[in-house]
C-alpha cells in the first residue's frame, strides 16, 4: 500500500461478517450490516500534546480492533475498500490477535 496516515489516524480493513447465522440461515447481502471489526493495516506517528510532544499511537499493524458503526471515512486505495479513522474512534483491541500470539 502506498498510503501513510498522518497524526493520530489509522487505516483499518473491515473483517467480513459470517454469511450464515448461528442457526445456519444464510444472510443475503442486502440484510447484512457492515462489520464493526477490522484489522489495522497502517498507523500514523501519533498526535501531539499542547507542548508539542509526540504521543505515540497504542496500536500496531495487524491488531484486530472494534470500532463504532459510523466511525471513520471510507476510501478505496489500490482497489481495497478501507477506513481511515482517528485512534480515538477505536473502542479496543480484540484479544488473541497477532500481537498477543507473538508474545
N, C-alpha and C. Protein backbone atom coordinates (compact mmCIF):
# COMPACT_ATOMS: atom_id res chain seq x y z
N UNK A 1 0.85 -1.17 0.00
CA UNK A 1 0.00 0.00 0.00
C UNK A 1 0.89 1.23 0.00
N UNK A 2 0.48 2.26 -0.71
CA UNK A 2 1.26 3.47 -0.83
C UNK A 2 0.58 4.62 -0.11
N UNK A 3 0.09 4.38 1.09
CA UNK A 3 -0.61 5.42 1.86
C UNK A 3 -0.09 5.40 3.28
N UNK A 4 0.27 6.58 3.78
CA UNK A 4 0.74 6.72 5.16
C UNK A 4 -0.16 7.71 5.87
N UNK A 5 -0.92 7.27 6.87
CA UNK A 5 -1.80 8.20 7.59
C UNK A 5 -0.99 9.19 8.42
N UNK A 6 -1.55 10.37 8.60
CA UNK A 6 -0.89 11.41 9.38
C UNK A 6 -1.44 11.46 10.80
N UNK A 7 -0.65 12.01 11.68
CA UNK A 7 -1.01 12.28 13.07
C UNK A 7 -1.54 11.03 13.78
N UNK A 8 -2.72 11.13 14.38
CA UNK A 8 -3.25 10.01 15.17
C UNK A 8 -4.30 9.21 14.40
N UNK A 9 -4.09 9.09 13.10
CA UNK A 9 -5.03 8.33 12.27
C UNK A 9 -4.50 6.93 11.98
N UNK A 10 -5.43 6.00 11.77
CA UNK A 10 -5.08 4.63 11.41
C UNK A 10 -5.92 4.21 10.21
N UNK A 11 -5.41 3.26 9.45
CA UNK A 11 -6.14 2.69 8.31
C UNK A 11 -6.56 1.29 8.72
N UNK A 12 -7.85 1.01 8.57
CA UNK A 12 -8.42 -0.26 9.00
C UNK A 12 -9.13 -0.93 7.82
N UNK A 13 -8.89 -2.23 7.68
CA UNK A 13 -9.60 -3.03 6.68
C UNK A 13 -10.68 -3.81 7.42
N UNK A 14 -11.92 -3.65 6.99
CA UNK A 14 -13.02 -4.37 7.64
C UNK A 14 -12.83 -5.88 7.52
N UNK A 15 -13.22 -6.59 8.55
CA UNK A 15 -13.24 -8.05 8.53
C UNK A 15 -14.67 -8.45 8.26
N UNK A 16 -14.87 -9.16 7.15
CA UNK A 16 -16.22 -9.50 6.71
C UNK A 16 -16.94 -10.39 7.72
N UNK A 17 -18.24 -10.15 7.86
CA UNK A 17 -19.08 -10.92 8.77
C UNK A 17 -19.40 -12.27 8.16
N UNK A 18 -19.82 -13.18 9.00
CA UNK A 18 -20.23 -14.51 8.55
C UNK A 18 -21.45 -14.39 7.64
N UNK A 19 -21.53 -15.29 6.66
CA UNK A 19 -22.67 -15.28 5.74
C UNK A 19 -23.82 -16.13 6.25
N UNK A 20 -23.62 -16.87 7.33
CA UNK A 20 -24.69 -17.67 7.92
C UNK A 20 -24.89 -17.24 9.36
N UNK A 21 -26.13 -17.34 9.82
CA UNK A 21 -26.43 -17.04 11.21
C UNK A 21 -26.02 -18.24 12.06
N UNK A 22 -26.12 -18.09 13.37
CA UNK A 22 -25.77 -19.19 14.28
C UNK A 22 -26.65 -20.41 14.04
N UNK A 23 -27.87 -20.18 13.58
CA UNK A 23 -28.80 -21.28 13.31
C UNK A 23 -28.65 -21.88 11.93
N UNK A 24 -27.70 -21.37 11.12
CA UNK A 24 -27.46 -21.92 9.80
C UNK A 24 -28.21 -21.24 8.67
N UNK A 25 -28.91 -20.16 8.98
CA UNK A 25 -29.66 -19.43 7.95
C UNK A 25 -28.69 -18.54 7.17
N UNK A 26 -28.76 -18.61 5.84
CA UNK A 26 -27.89 -17.78 5.00
C UNK A 26 -28.45 -16.36 4.97
N UNK A 27 -27.58 -15.38 5.25
CA UNK A 27 -27.99 -13.98 5.31
C UNK A 27 -27.69 -13.32 3.95
N UNK A 28 -28.70 -12.77 3.27
CA UNK A 28 -28.45 -12.10 1.98
C UNK A 28 -27.65 -10.81 2.18
N UNK A 29 -26.94 -10.40 1.13
CA UNK A 29 -26.10 -9.21 1.20
C UNK A 29 -26.87 -7.97 1.62
N UNK A 30 -28.10 -7.82 1.16
CA UNK A 30 -28.89 -6.64 1.48
C UNK A 30 -29.23 -6.55 2.96
N UNK A 31 -29.29 -7.68 3.65
CA UNK A 31 -29.67 -7.68 5.07
C UNK A 31 -28.47 -7.61 6.00
N UNK A 32 -27.27 -7.74 5.47
CA UNK A 32 -26.07 -7.73 6.31
C UNK A 32 -25.76 -6.31 6.76
N UNK A 33 -25.31 -6.22 8.00
CA UNK A 33 -24.79 -4.96 8.50
C UNK A 33 -23.30 -4.92 8.23
N UNK A 34 -22.77 -3.72 8.07
CA UNK A 34 -21.33 -3.62 7.88
C UNK A 34 -20.66 -4.03 9.18
N UNK A 35 -19.61 -4.82 9.09
CA UNK A 35 -18.95 -5.28 10.31
C UNK A 35 -18.27 -4.13 11.04
N UNK A 36 -18.22 -4.24 12.36
CA UNK A 36 -17.56 -3.22 13.16
C UNK A 36 -16.23 -3.74 13.71
N UNK A 37 -15.68 -4.75 13.04
CA UNK A 37 -14.35 -5.27 13.37
C UNK A 37 -13.46 -5.06 12.17
N UNK A 38 -12.19 -4.86 12.45
CA UNK A 38 -11.25 -4.69 11.35
C UNK A 38 -9.83 -4.97 11.79
N UNK A 39 -8.95 -4.97 10.79
CA UNK A 39 -7.53 -5.19 11.03
C UNK A 39 -6.79 -3.91 10.68
N UNK A 40 -5.90 -3.49 11.58
CA UNK A 40 -5.11 -2.28 11.36
C UNK A 40 -4.05 -2.60 10.31
N UNK A 41 -4.02 -1.81 9.22
CA UNK A 41 -3.03 -2.07 8.18
C UNK A 41 -2.05 -0.92 7.99
N UNK A 42 -2.30 0.23 8.63
CA UNK A 42 -1.34 1.34 8.61
C UNK A 42 -1.63 2.24 9.83
N UNK A 43 -0.56 2.82 10.38
CA UNK A 43 -0.67 3.63 11.58
C UNK A 43 0.14 4.91 11.39
N UNK A 44 -0.43 6.04 11.79
CA UNK A 44 0.29 7.31 11.76
C UNK A 44 1.27 7.39 12.92
N UNK A 45 2.09 8.44 12.96
CA UNK A 45 3.10 8.56 14.01
C UNK A 45 2.53 8.89 15.38
N UNK A 46 1.36 9.50 15.45
CA UNK A 46 0.74 9.86 16.72
C UNK A 46 0.37 11.32 16.76
N UNK A 47 -0.35 11.69 17.80
CA UNK A 47 -0.77 13.07 17.97
C UNK A 47 0.25 13.85 18.78
N UNK A 48 -0.02 15.12 18.97
CA UNK A 48 0.87 15.98 19.76
C UNK A 48 0.06 16.62 20.88
N UNK A 49 0.71 16.77 22.04
CA UNK A 49 0.05 17.45 23.15
C UNK A 49 0.26 18.96 23.01
N UNK A 50 -0.19 19.74 24.01
CA UNK A 50 -0.11 21.19 23.92
C UNK A 50 1.31 21.72 23.86
N UNK A 51 2.26 20.97 24.43
CA UNK A 51 3.66 21.41 24.40
C UNK A 51 4.39 20.96 23.14
N UNK A 52 3.70 20.20 22.27
CA UNK A 52 4.31 19.75 21.02
C UNK A 52 4.96 18.39 21.11
N UNK A 53 4.87 17.75 22.27
CA UNK A 53 5.48 16.42 22.46
C UNK A 53 4.63 15.36 21.74
N UNK A 54 5.31 14.46 21.03
CA UNK A 54 4.62 13.40 20.28
C UNK A 54 4.06 12.35 21.24
N UNK A 55 2.79 12.02 21.06
CA UNK A 55 2.13 10.97 21.83
C UNK A 55 1.92 9.81 20.87
N UNK A 56 2.70 8.72 20.99
CA UNK A 56 2.59 7.62 20.03
C UNK A 56 1.25 6.90 20.12
N UNK A 57 0.85 6.30 19.00
CA UNK A 57 -0.40 5.54 18.93
C UNK A 57 -0.20 4.19 19.61
N UNK A 58 -1.23 3.73 20.30
CA UNK A 58 -1.17 2.48 21.06
C UNK A 58 -1.62 1.29 20.23
N UNK A 59 -1.59 1.39 18.92
CA UNK A 59 -1.97 0.30 18.03
C UNK A 59 -0.80 -0.10 17.16
N UNK A 60 -0.81 -1.35 16.70
CA UNK A 60 0.23 -1.83 15.82
C UNK A 60 -0.41 -2.49 14.60
N UNK A 61 0.39 -2.64 13.55
CA UNK A 61 -0.10 -3.33 12.36
C UNK A 61 -0.55 -4.73 12.74
N UNK A 62 -1.67 -5.15 12.17
CA UNK A 62 -2.18 -6.49 12.43
C UNK A 62 -3.12 -6.60 13.61
N UNK A 63 -3.23 -5.55 14.44
CA UNK A 63 -4.18 -5.59 15.56
C UNK A 63 -5.60 -5.71 15.02
N UNK A 64 -6.41 -6.55 15.66
CA UNK A 64 -7.82 -6.70 15.31
C UNK A 64 -8.60 -5.81 16.28
N UNK A 65 -9.35 -4.85 15.74
CA UNK A 65 -9.97 -3.83 16.57
C UNK A 65 -11.48 -3.77 16.37
N UNK A 66 -12.16 -3.18 17.38
CA UNK A 66 -13.59 -2.88 17.31
C UNK A 66 -13.75 -1.38 17.18
N UNK A 67 -14.67 -0.95 16.32
CA UNK A 67 -14.90 0.47 16.15
C UNK A 67 -16.40 0.71 16.01
N UNK A 68 -16.81 1.96 16.15
CA UNK A 68 -18.22 2.32 16.08
C UNK A 68 -18.80 2.15 14.69
N UNK A 69 -20.11 2.00 14.64
CA UNK A 69 -20.82 1.75 13.39
C UNK A 69 -20.59 2.84 12.35
N UNK A 70 -20.50 4.09 12.77
CA UNK A 70 -20.36 5.22 11.85
C UNK A 70 -18.96 5.82 11.91
N UNK A 71 -18.00 5.11 12.45
CA UNK A 71 -16.64 5.63 12.59
C UNK A 71 -15.89 5.64 11.27
N UNK A 72 -15.02 6.60 11.12
CA UNK A 72 -14.09 6.63 10.00
C UNK A 72 -14.67 7.13 8.70
N UNK A 73 -13.77 7.28 7.74
CA UNK A 73 -14.11 7.70 6.39
C UNK A 73 -13.76 6.58 5.44
N UNK A 74 -14.72 6.15 4.64
CA UNK A 74 -14.48 5.06 3.70
C UNK A 74 -13.73 5.59 2.49
N UNK A 75 -12.65 4.89 2.12
CA UNK A 75 -11.86 5.25 0.95
C UNK A 75 -11.52 3.97 0.18
N UNK A 76 -11.13 4.13 -1.07
CA UNK A 76 -10.70 3.00 -1.87
C UNK A 76 -9.25 3.27 -2.28
N UNK A 77 -8.32 2.42 -1.82
CA UNK A 77 -6.90 2.57 -2.12
C UNK A 77 -6.41 1.26 -2.70
N UNK A 78 -5.77 1.33 -3.86
CA UNK A 78 -5.26 0.14 -4.54
C UNK A 78 -6.34 -0.92 -4.72
N UNK A 79 -7.58 -0.51 -4.97
CA UNK A 79 -8.67 -1.44 -5.20
C UNK A 79 -9.28 -2.03 -3.95
N UNK A 80 -8.79 -1.65 -2.76
CA UNK A 80 -9.33 -2.16 -1.50
C UNK A 80 -10.19 -1.09 -0.84
N UNK A 81 -11.32 -1.53 -0.28
CA UNK A 81 -12.15 -0.60 0.48
C UNK A 81 -11.64 -0.58 1.91
N UNK A 82 -11.23 0.61 2.36
CA UNK A 82 -10.62 0.77 3.67
C UNK A 82 -11.31 1.89 4.44
N UNK A 83 -11.01 1.96 5.74
CA UNK A 83 -11.50 3.04 6.59
C UNK A 83 -10.30 3.79 7.16
N UNK A 84 -10.38 5.11 7.14
CA UNK A 84 -9.38 5.93 7.81
C UNK A 84 -10.09 6.57 8.99
N UNK A 85 -9.54 6.38 10.19
CA UNK A 85 -10.18 6.91 11.38
C UNK A 85 -9.14 7.35 12.40
N UNK A 86 -9.58 8.16 13.32
CA UNK A 86 -8.70 8.58 14.41
C UNK A 86 -8.60 7.43 15.41
N UNK A 87 -7.49 7.42 16.13
CA UNK A 87 -7.29 6.38 17.14
C UNK A 87 -8.42 6.41 18.17
N UNK A 88 -8.94 7.59 18.49
CA UNK A 88 -10.00 7.70 19.50
C UNK A 88 -11.32 7.08 19.04
N UNK A 89 -11.50 6.84 17.73
CA UNK A 89 -12.71 6.18 17.22
C UNK A 89 -12.69 4.67 17.47
N UNK A 90 -11.52 4.14 17.78
CA UNK A 90 -11.39 2.71 18.02
C UNK A 90 -11.68 2.42 19.48
N UNK A 91 -12.60 1.47 19.71
CA UNK A 91 -13.03 1.17 21.07
C UNK A 91 -12.09 0.23 21.80
N UNK A 92 -11.40 -0.64 21.07
CA UNK A 92 -10.49 -1.56 21.74
C UNK A 92 -9.89 -2.57 20.78
N UNK A 93 -8.90 -3.29 21.30
CA UNK A 93 -8.23 -4.35 20.54
C UNK A 93 -8.75 -5.69 21.04
N UNK A 94 -9.12 -6.56 20.11
CA UNK A 94 -9.62 -7.89 20.47
C UNK A 94 -8.47 -8.76 20.94
N UNK A 95 -8.70 -9.58 21.93
CA UNK A 95 -7.67 -10.49 22.46
C UNK A 95 -7.34 -11.56 21.44
N UNK A 96 -6.20 -12.21 21.63
CA UNK A 96 -5.71 -13.28 20.75
C UNK A 96 -5.47 -12.80 19.33
N UNK A 97 -4.97 -11.58 19.19
CA UNK A 97 -4.61 -11.06 17.88
C UNK A 97 -3.13 -11.32 17.66
N UNK A 98 -2.60 -10.85 16.57
CA UNK A 98 -1.22 -11.16 16.19
C UNK A 98 -0.23 -10.71 17.26
N UNK A 99 -0.45 -9.58 17.91
CA UNK A 99 0.50 -9.11 18.91
C UNK A 99 0.53 -10.05 20.13
N UNK A 100 -0.66 -10.51 20.57
CA UNK A 100 -0.70 -11.40 21.73
C UNK A 100 -0.15 -12.78 21.39
N UNK A 101 -0.36 -13.27 20.15
CA UNK A 101 0.14 -14.58 19.75
C UNK A 101 1.66 -14.59 19.69
N UNK A 102 2.25 -13.45 19.28
CA UNK A 102 3.70 -13.36 19.17
C UNK A 102 4.37 -13.32 20.53
N UNK A 103 3.66 -12.86 21.55
CA UNK A 103 4.26 -12.74 22.89
C UNK A 103 4.35 -14.04 23.63
